């Protein structure tokens, strides 16, 4: 229970209300429906007594409760999760029981309801590692160990797996990994119980050497850098690539450089270490990451995950696989660029009515490291940046070179076709 949440007495009115605002604004304390937009005015998080229970709210929405009346007459905690709704602790198998939280002025009561359906593997066109795991009794039994489940989660997040000699990969995102593990365990857990919950220093056995080598090279480049990290000296070397949070971005103008340095200094001031941004702090962070990688080397549970996948005929992607997929993605984007270039050779016409209302495209960050750009031609780089392709498609529309249906189809492909 957050100590700064206002606690209202039983029967007290809500401490806020919804008011109409400009429909173009948004945020967590906004809501939109039927073209209208409203903003919550009042405490975003608050709580109120309902008899013996305390119910927690976000705006006017119930999100949890303490000392809630349970079906057996006892009182306990009830929480809401995104995928299945309200739940109370179960006996162990299942871990959770789902239902409804009924709130009146004098009571908050949990009523058991429909439980999540048995988990089904997501369909895919090629081999499915998820489906194979679902039919492996030994793996399912092992997955009931919490620590092993978290290691599997780390091993699967953001990676592609291949079965035998089949070139069709099976990709697993962070949410997919969490949903899969929660589902395969069969304990009625939510994906939020596993989403990004693992030791980030754990490294898959095949990746330890390459990860360590990359960090060593990064440390060496920082240690050997003769340029100070002042605005004036970095500005002399523009354009440069710099870290913005956990991403690397291209900095081309002094104004962008100033904003980024100010942001980095501000974040450093807010951190517990209170360290100013410097090459020394980057070196310290890199050595910390390297220490974590080396600590994760030879982790027996991660080695077990690799061995169990091999027993099922599966392996995780290698550098060769990654390069092949990158070239395939680049080929698809180059094909889109070729279509655009052919349309650009058509004689321009007056702007059609449907294109006159097209809005300028909002800027979207497309992060590319210098290592990714090295060796690419200007045309290949043009194809990789979705904003550039989409801007050219908009120009095609405004110059009457493309009809509305072709525009809609091409703009989607220009944005959604994987670039890497």
Protein backbone atom coordinates (compact mmCIF):
# COMPACT_ATOMS: atom_id res chain seq x y z
CA UNK A 1 0.00 0.00 0.00
CA UNK A 2 1.58 3.26 -1.10
CA UNK A 3 1.82 5.66 1.85
CA UNK A 4 1.08 8.69 -0.33
CA UNK A 5 -2.29 7.35 -1.53
CA UNK A 6 -5.17 9.33 0.02
CA UNK A 7 -7.30 7.02 2.22
CA UNK A 8 -10.98 7.98 2.24
CA UNK A 9 -13.50 6.96 4.87
CA UNK A 10 -16.42 4.68 4.07
CA UNK A 11 -19.11 6.50 2.11
CA UNK A 12 -16.84 9.36 1.05
CA UNK A 13 -17.29 10.53 -2.56
CA UNK A 14 -14.64 9.94 -5.21
CA UNK A 15 -11.78 12.47 -4.85
CA UNK A 16 -11.91 13.40 -8.54
CA UNK A 17 -13.98 13.40 -11.71
CA UNK A 18 -13.68 13.22 -15.49
CA UNK A 19 -13.73 16.50 -17.43
CA UNK A 20 -13.85 17.08 -21.20
CA UNK A 21 -10.56 18.07 -22.85
CA UNK A 22 -9.02 18.45 -26.30
CA UNK A 23 -9.35 15.02 -28.04
CA UNK A 24 -5.78 15.32 -29.36
CA UNK A 25 -4.24 14.87 -25.91
CA UNK A 26 -3.63 11.51 -24.26
CA UNK A 27 -2.04 9.91 -21.21
CA UNK A 28 -2.69 7.38 -18.47
CA UNK A 29 -5.18 9.71 -16.78
CA UNK A 30 -7.11 10.31 -20.02
CA UNK A 31 -9.85 8.29 -21.66
CA UNK A 32 -11.48 8.53 -25.09
CA UNK A 33 -14.76 7.26 -26.48
CA UNK A 34 -16.98 8.21 -29.44
CA UNK A 35 -14.51 10.86 -30.54
CA UNK A 36 -14.52 12.63 -27.16
CA UNK A 37 -11.60 12.83 -24.73
CA UNK A 38 -11.65 13.31 -20.97
CA UNK A 39 -9.04 13.85 -18.28
CA UNK A 40 -9.21 12.72 -14.67
CA UNK A 41 -8.97 15.62 -12.25
CA UNK A 42 -7.97 14.40 -8.82
CA UNK A 43 -5.52 11.89 -7.29
CA UNK A 44 -4.59 9.23 -9.85
CA UNK A 45 -4.06 6.57 -7.13
CA UNK A 46 -6.26 6.55 -4.06
CA UNK A 47 -8.01 4.17 -1.65
CA UNK A 48 -11.23 4.00 0.32
CA UNK A 49 -12.64 1.94 3.18
CA UNK A 50 -15.57 -0.35 2.38
CA UNK A 51 -16.45 -1.91 5.71
CA UNK A 52 -13.41 -3.92 6.85
CA UNK A 53 -11.93 -3.90 3.35
CA UNK A 54 -9.74 -1.25 1.76
CA UNK A 55 -10.17 -0.86 -2.01
CA UNK A 56 -7.48 0.68 -4.20
CA UNK A 57 -8.38 2.80 -7.22
CA UNK A 58 -6.73 4.35 -10.26
CA UNK A 59 -8.94 7.28 -11.29
CA UNK A 60 -12.42 5.75 -10.76
CA UNK A 61 -11.31 2.19 -11.63
CA UNK A 62 -10.90 -0.52 -8.98
CA UNK A 63 -7.50 -2.22 -9.28
CA UNK A 64 -7.10 -4.18 -6.01
CA UNK A 65 -8.32 -4.70 -2.51
CA UNK A 66 -6.99 -5.59 0.95
CA UNK A 67 -8.99 -7.42 3.61
CA UNK A 68 -11.53 -8.38 0.97
CA UNK A 69 -14.20 -10.91 2.00
CA UNK A 70 -13.36 -14.24 0.32
CA UNK A 71 -15.74 -17.15 -0.50
CA UNK A 72 -14.69 -19.17 2.58
CA UNK A 73 -15.47 -16.30 4.95
CA UNK A 74 -11.86 -15.26 5.51
CA UNK A 75 -10.34 -12.01 4.31
CA UNK A 76 -7.38 -11.48 2.02
CA UNK A 77 -5.83 -9.68 -0.92
CA UNK A 78 -7.36 -9.42 -4.38
CA UNK A 79 -5.44 -8.04 -7.35
CA UNK A 80 -6.24 -7.30 -10.99
CA UNK A 81 -4.08 -8.55 -13.89
CA UNK A 82 -4.44 -7.44 -17.48
CA UNK A 83 -5.02 -10.81 -19.10
CA UNK A 84 -7.48 -12.51 -16.72
CA UNK A 85 -8.96 -9.86 -14.43
CA UNK A 86 -9.30 -10.07 -10.64
CA UNK A 87 -7.73 -12.96 -8.74
CA UNK A 88 -7.13 -14.24 -5.23
CA UNK A 89 -4.40 -16.65 -4.04
CA UNK A 90 -5.22 -20.32 -4.65
CA UNK A 91 -4.18 -23.45 -2.78
CA UNK A 92 -0.96 -23.92 -4.79
CA UNK A 93 -2.33 -25.80 -7.78
CA UNK A 94 -3.74 -23.58 -9.10
CA UNK A 95 -1.68 -20.72 -7.76
CA UNK A 96 -4.52 -18.27 -8.46
CA UNK A 97 -8.30 -18.33 -8.59
CA UNK A 98 -10.04 -15.75 -10.77
CA UNK A 99 -13.39 -14.06 -10.39
CA UNK A 100 -15.07 -10.73 -9.73
CA UNK A 101 -14.50 -8.09 -7.06
CA UNK A 102 -17.91 -6.77 -6.06
CA UNK A 103 -17.73 -3.43 -4.24
CA UNK A 104 -20.54 -1.79 -2.29
CA UNK A 105 -20.34 1.09 0.13
CA UNK A 106 -20.14 -1.25 3.13
CA UNK A 107 -18.23 -4.23 1.70
CA UNK A 108 -15.78 -5.54 -0.91
CA UNK A 109 -16.38 -9.20 -1.71
CA UNK A 110 -14.62 -11.58 -4.11
CA UNK A 111 -16.77 -14.05 -6.02
CA UNK A 112 -15.10 -16.97 -7.80
CA UNK A 113 -15.80 -16.99 -11.52
CA UNK A 114 -14.69 -18.54 -14.79
CA UNK A 115 -11.08 -19.70 -14.81
CA UNK A 116 -8.63 -19.24 -17.71
CA UNK A 117 -9.00 -21.82 -20.48
CA UNK A 118 -6.23 -24.41 -20.96
CA UNK A 119 -3.26 -22.89 -22.74
CA UNK A 120 -2.98 -23.40 -26.50
CA UNK A 121 0.20 -22.74 -28.46
CA UNK A 122 0.05 -19.77 -30.81
CA UNK A 123 -0.38 -20.90 -34.45
CA UNK A 124 2.50 -20.38 -36.86
CA UNK A 125 3.30 -21.30 -40.46
CA UNK A 126 6.50 -23.22 -39.75
CA UNK A 127 7.86 -25.41 -36.96
CA UNK A 128 6.66 -24.37 -33.50
CA UNK A 129 8.96 -24.80 -30.53
CA UNK A 130 6.05 -23.87 -28.30
CA UNK A 131 3.98 -26.78 -29.63
CA UNK A 132 6.87 -29.19 -29.17
CA UNK A 133 7.36 -28.07 -25.58
CA UNK A 134 3.66 -28.54 -24.90
CA UNK A 135 3.96 -32.21 -25.85
CA UNK A 136 7.12 -32.84 -23.81
CA UNK A 137 6.11 -34.18 -20.36
CA UNK A 138 9.65 -33.99 -18.98
CA UNK A 139 10.04 -30.33 -19.94
CA UNK A 140 6.61 -29.44 -18.54
CA UNK A 141 7.47 -31.10 -15.22
CA UNK A 142 10.80 -29.28 -15.09
CA UNK A 143 9.08 -25.97 -15.83
CA UNK A 144 7.27 -26.16 -12.49
CA UNK A 145 10.57 -25.23 -10.85
CA UNK A 146 10.38 -21.44 -10.50
CA UNK A 147 14.09 -20.81 -11.00
CA UNK A 148 14.24 -23.00 -14.10
CA UNK A 149 11.15 -21.24 -15.50
CA UNK A 150 12.82 -17.84 -15.10
CA UNK A 151 15.96 -19.08 -16.87
CA UNK A 152 13.83 -20.39 -19.75
CA UNK A 153 12.17 -16.99 -19.87
CA UNK A 154 15.55 -15.26 -20.25
CA UNK A 155 16.74 -17.77 -22.86
CA UNK A 156 13.65 -17.28 -25.04
CA UNK A 157 13.12 -13.49 -24.91
CA UNK A 158 13.81 -11.76 -28.24
CA UNK A 159 15.35 -14.82 -29.86
CA UNK A 160 14.69 -17.04 -32.86
CA UNK A 161 14.92 -20.83 -32.76
CA UNK A 162 15.38 -23.34 -35.57
CA UNK A 163 14.40 -26.98 -35.81
CA UNK A 164 16.84 -29.26 -37.61
CA UNK A 165 17.74 -27.99 -41.07
CA UNK A 166 14.54 -25.97 -41.51
CA UNK A 167 15.34 -22.33 -42.34
CA UNK A 168 11.98 -21.14 -41.02
CA UNK A 169 12.62 -19.64 -37.63
CA UNK A 170 10.33 -19.52 -34.60
CA UNK A 171 10.64 -16.10 -32.91
CA UNK A 172 9.75 -15.39 -29.28
CA UNK A 173 9.11 -11.88 -27.94
CA UNK A 174 9.21 -10.91 -24.27
CA UNK A 175 5.42 -11.10 -23.83
CA UNK A 176 5.17 -14.31 -25.83
CA UNK A 177 7.80 -15.92 -23.60
CA UNK A 178 5.95 -14.83 -20.45
CA UNK A 179 2.55 -16.02 -21.75
CA UNK A 180 4.02 -19.32 -22.89
CA UNK A 181 5.75 -20.10 -19.60
CA UNK A 182 2.71 -19.13 -17.52
CA UNK A 183 0.50 -21.23 -19.79
CA UNK A 184 2.72 -24.30 -19.97
CA UNK A 185 3.09 -24.43 -16.18
CA UNK A 186 -0.69 -24.91 -15.98
CA UNK A 187 -1.04 -23.13 -12.63
CA UNK A 188 -3.44 -20.39 -13.82
CA UNK A 189 -0.74 -17.74 -13.66
CA UNK A 190 -0.74 -14.46 -15.56
CA UNK A 191 1.91 -13.54 -18.08
CA UNK A 192 2.68 -10.60 -15.78
CA UNK A 193 4.03 -13.10 -13.24
CA UNK A 194 6.92 -13.74 -15.65
CA UNK A 195 7.18 -10.75 -17.96
CA UNK A 196 10.85 -9.65 -17.91
CA UNK A 197 11.33 -11.26 -14.51
CA UNK A 198 14.73 -12.92 -14.73
CA UNK A 199 18.41 -12.40 -14.00
CA UNK A 200 19.52 -10.11 -16.82
CA UNK A 201 23.15 -11.18 -16.41
CA UNK A 202 22.38 -14.75 -17.48
CA UNK A 203 23.83 -15.49 -20.91
CA UNK A 204 22.92 -18.36 -23.22
CA UNK A 205 25.96 -20.68 -23.55
CA UNK A 206 26.38 -19.98 -27.28
CA UNK A 207 26.44 -16.21 -26.68
CA UNK A 208 28.91 -15.90 -23.82
CA UNK A 209 32.06 -15.52 -25.94
CA UNK A 210 30.56 -13.05 -28.43
CA UNK A 211 28.96 -10.96 -25.68
CA UNK A 212 32.17 -10.86 -23.67
CA UNK A 213 34.22 -9.94 -26.74
CA UNK A 214 31.82 -7.12 -27.67
CA UNK A 215 32.02 -5.69 -24.16
CA UNK A 216 35.82 -5.90 -24.14
CA UNK A 217 35.96 -4.01 -27.44
CA UNK A 218 33.54 -1.42 -26.06
CA UNK A 219 35.67 -0.98 -22.94
CA UNK A 220 38.81 -0.64 -25.04
CA UNK A 221 37.24 2.01 -27.27
CA UNK A 222 36.20 4.06 -24.25
CA UNK A 223 39.55 3.67 -22.50
CA UNK A 224 41.47 4.71 -25.61
CA UNK A 225 39.25 7.66 -26.41
CA UNK A 226 41.21 10.90 -26.33
CA UNK A 227 38.17 13.12 -26.73
CA UNK A 228 36.71 14.61 -23.60
CA UNK A 229 32.99 14.34 -23.07
CA UNK A 230 32.40 18.09 -23.16
CA UNK A 231 29.85 19.64 -25.50
CA UNK A 232 32.48 21.63 -27.41
CA UNK A 233 34.76 18.70 -28.20
CA UNK A 234 31.97 16.26 -29.11
CA UNK A 235 30.44 18.93 -31.36
CA UNK A 236 33.63 18.98 -33.41
CA UNK A 237 33.07 15.33 -34.37
CA UNK A 238 29.40 15.52 -35.44
CA UNK A 239 27.68 13.40 -36.59
CA UNK A 240 28.29 10.90 -33.78
CA UNK A 241 26.44 7.95 -32.28
CA UNK A 242 25.57 8.24 -28.61
CA UNK A 243 23.50 6.36 -26.06
CA UNK A 244 19.98 7.62 -25.37
CA UNK A 245 18.75 5.40 -22.57
CA UNK A 246 19.29 1.83 -23.73
CA UNK A 247 19.44 2.82 -27.42
CA UNK A 248 22.17 4.19 -29.68
CA UNK A 249 21.13 7.23 -31.74
CA UNK A 250 22.75 9.34 -34.43
CA UNK A 251 23.40 12.92 -33.33
CA UNK A 252 23.80 15.32 -36.24
CA UNK A 253 23.22 18.84 -34.89
CA UNK A 254 24.62 20.82 -31.93
CA UNK A 255 21.05 21.37 -30.72
CA UNK A 256 20.37 17.61 -30.58
CA UNK A 257 23.73 17.08 -28.86
CA UNK A 258 22.92 19.69 -26.22
CA UNK A 259 19.49 18.15 -25.50
CA UNK A 260 21.00 14.66 -25.20
CA UNK A 261 23.84 15.76 -22.91
CA UNK A 262 21.42 17.70 -20.72
CA UNK A 263 19.19 14.62 -20.50
CA UNK A 264 22.14 12.39 -19.58
CA UNK A 265 23.31 14.79 -16.91
CA UNK A 266 19.77 15.04 -15.51
CA UNK A 267 19.41 11.26 -15.37
CA UNK A 268 22.80 10.93 -13.69
CA UNK A 269 21.76 13.47 -11.05
CA UNK A 270 18.59 11.48 -10.32
CA UNK A 271 20.48 8.19 -9.95
CA UNK A 272 21.52 6.83 -6.60
CA UNK A 273 25.19 7.07 -7.52
CA UNK A 274 24.88 10.83 -8.12
CA UNK A 275 27.67 10.44 -10.69
CA UNK A 276 27.99 13.04 -13.45
CA UNK A 277 27.99 11.66 -16.98
CA UNK A 278 31.58 10.95 -18.05
CA UNK A 279 33.81 8.47 -19.84
CA UNK A 280 34.75 7.15 -16.41
CA UNK A 281 31.11 6.37 -15.60
CA UNK A 282 30.73 4.59 -18.95
CA UNK A 283 33.81 2.53 -18.22
CA UNK A 284 32.51 1.65 -14.78
CA UNK A 285 29.13 0.57 -16.19
CA UNK A 286 30.79 -1.50 -18.92
CA UNK A 287 33.02 -3.29 -16.42
CA UNK A 288 29.94 -4.02 -14.31
CA UNK A 289 28.21 -5.56 -17.32
CA UNK A 290 31.32 -7.60 -18.13
CA UNK A 291 31.45 -8.89 -14.57
CA UNK A 292 27.82 -9.99 -14.86
CA UNK A 293 28.48 -11.80 -18.14
CA UNK A 294 31.43 -13.66 -16.65
CA UNK A 295 29.38 -14.55 -13.59
CA UNK A 296 26.73 -16.03 -15.87
CA UNK A 297 29.25 -18.14 -17.77
CA UNK A 298 28.65 -21.82 -17.18
CA UNK A 299 25.28 -21.37 -15.48
CA UNK A 300 24.02 -24.96 -15.12
CA UNK A 301 20.36 -24.09 -15.61
CA UNK A 302 21.03 -22.18 -18.82
CA UNK A 303 23.14 -25.11 -20.05
CA UNK A 304 20.23 -27.40 -19.17
CA UNK A 305 17.84 -25.30 -21.26
CA UNK A 306 20.14 -25.63 -24.27
CA UNK A 307 20.47 -29.40 -23.76
CA UNK A 308 16.72 -29.94 -23.42
CA UNK A 309 16.06 -27.95 -26.59
CA UNK A 310 18.67 -30.01 -28.42
CA UNK A 311 16.93 -33.21 -27.29
CA UNK A 312 13.80 -31.90 -29.04
CA UNK A 313 15.79 -31.10 -32.19
CA UNK A 314 15.91 -27.33 -31.65
CA UNK A 315 18.71 -24.75 -31.45
CA UNK A 316 18.88 -21.02 -30.91
CA UNK A 317 19.95 -18.71 -33.73
CA UNK A 318 23.62 -18.22 -34.55
CA UNK A 319 25.41 -15.25 -36.13
CA UNK A 320 25.02 -16.98 -39.48
CA UNK A 321 21.26 -17.21 -38.99
CA UNK A 322 21.07 -13.57 -37.92
CA UNK A 323 22.99 -12.43 -40.99
CA UNK A 324 20.78 -14.49 -43.30
CA UNK A 325 17.62 -13.02 -41.77
CA UNK A 326 19.03 -9.50 -41.98
CA UNK A 327 19.79 -9.88 -45.67
CA UNK A 328 16.33 -11.33 -46.29
CA UNK A 329 14.67 -8.40 -44.51
CA UNK A 330 16.83 -5.91 -46.39
CA UNK A 331 15.87 -7.59 -49.69
CA UNK A 332 12.17 -7.10 -48.94
CA UNK A 333 12.68 -3.44 -48.12
CA UNK A 334 14.76 -2.89 -51.26
CA UNK A 335 11.86 -4.34 -53.26
CA UNK A 336 9.55 -1.73 -51.69
CA UNK A 337 12.04 1.01 -52.53
CA UNK A 338 12.14 -0.19 -56.15
CA UNK A 339 8.33 0.07 -56.36
CA UNK A 340 8.50 3.63 -55.02
CA UNK A 341 11.22 4.60 -57.47
CA UNK A 342 9.22 3.26 -60.41
CA UNK A 343 6.16 5.27 -59.32
CA UNK A 344 8.31 8.38 -58.93
CA UNK A 345 9.14 8.17 -62.64
CA UNK A 346 5.45 8.63 -63.50
CA UNK A 347 4.52 12.18 -64.56
CA UNK A 348 3.04 14.18 -61.66
CA UNK A 349 -0.66 15.04 -61.58
CA UNK A 350 -2.76 17.44 -59.47
CA UNK A 351 -3.19 16.37 -55.87
CA UNK A 352 -6.33 14.20 -55.61
CA UNK A 353 -9.02 15.11 -53.10
CA UNK A 354 -8.32 12.12 -50.85
CA UNK A 355 -4.63 13.09 -50.51
CA UNK A 356 -5.25 16.73 -49.64
CA UNK A 357 -6.19 15.81 -46.10
CA UNK A 358 -3.05 13.72 -45.47
CA UNK A 359 -1.26 14.95 -42.38
CA UNK A 360 2.47 15.37 -42.12
CA UNK A 361 4.04 12.25 -40.67
CA UNK A 362 5.08 12.36 -37.03
CA UNK A 363 8.75 11.66 -36.49
CA UNK A 364 9.56 8.13 -35.35
CA UNK A 365 12.93 7.10 -34.04
CA UNK A 366 14.65 4.41 -36.06
CA UNK A 367 17.75 3.40 -34.16
CA UNK A 368 20.67 2.03 -36.17
CA UNK A 369 24.15 1.50 -34.78
CA UNK A 370 27.21 2.43 -36.79
CA UNK A 371 28.13 -1.25 -36.92
CA UNK A 372 24.80 -1.97 -38.63
CA UNK A 373 25.32 0.81 -41.17
CA UNK A 374 28.91 -0.09 -42.02
CA UNK A 375 29.13 -1.75 -45.41
CA UNK A 376 25.65 -0.67 -46.56
CA UNK A 377 25.19 1.42 -49.68
CA UNK A 378 23.26 4.71 -49.57
CA UNK A 379 20.35 2.97 -51.30
CA UNK A 380 20.33 0.15 -48.74
CA UNK A 381 20.35 2.68 -45.91
CA UNK A 382 17.44 4.52 -47.55
CA UNK A 383 15.45 1.27 -47.65
CA UNK A 384 16.10 0.49 -43.98
CA UNK A 385 14.56 3.68 -42.54
CA UNK A 386 10.74 3.45 -42.51
CA UNK A 387 10.27 7.23 -42.16
CA UNK A 388 12.14 7.88 -45.39
CA UNK A 389 10.07 5.39 -47.37
CA UNK A 390 6.79 6.60 -45.88
CA UNK A 391 7.65 10.23 -46.65
CA UNK A 392 8.27 9.31 -50.29
CA UNK A 393 4.96 7.43 -50.43
CA UNK A 394 3.18 10.54 -49.10
CA UNK A 395 4.81 12.58 -51.85
CA UNK A 396 3.57 10.06 -54.40
CA UNK A 397 0.03 10.58 -53.11
CA UNK A 398 0.22 14.39 -53.12
CA UNK A 399 1.57 14.40 -56.69
CA UNK A 400 -1.19 12.14 -58.00
CA UNK A 401 1.12 9.24 -58.84
CA UNK A 402 -0.72 6.65 -56.74
CA UNK A 403 -4.37 5.87 -55.94
CA UNK A 404 -5.75 5.66 -52.42
CA UNK A 405 -5.90 1.86 -52.09
CA UNK A 406 -2.33 1.46 -53.40
CA UNK A 407 -1.20 4.21 -51.03
CA UNK A 408 -2.71 2.47 -47.99
CA UNK A 409 -1.15 -0.87 -48.94
CA UNK A 410 2.29 0.58 -49.64
CA UNK A 411 2.42 2.77 -46.53
CA UNK A 412 1.72 -0.26 -44.32
CA UNK A 413 4.40 -2.35 -45.99
CA UNK A 414 6.92 0.51 -45.78
CA UNK A 415 6.43 0.67 -42.02
CA UNK A 416 5.80 -2.95 -41.01
CA UNK A 417 8.17 -4.92 -43.22
CA UNK A 418 11.01 -6.03 -40.90
CA UNK A 419 14.16 -4.08 -41.63
CA UNK A 420 16.48 -6.52 -39.89
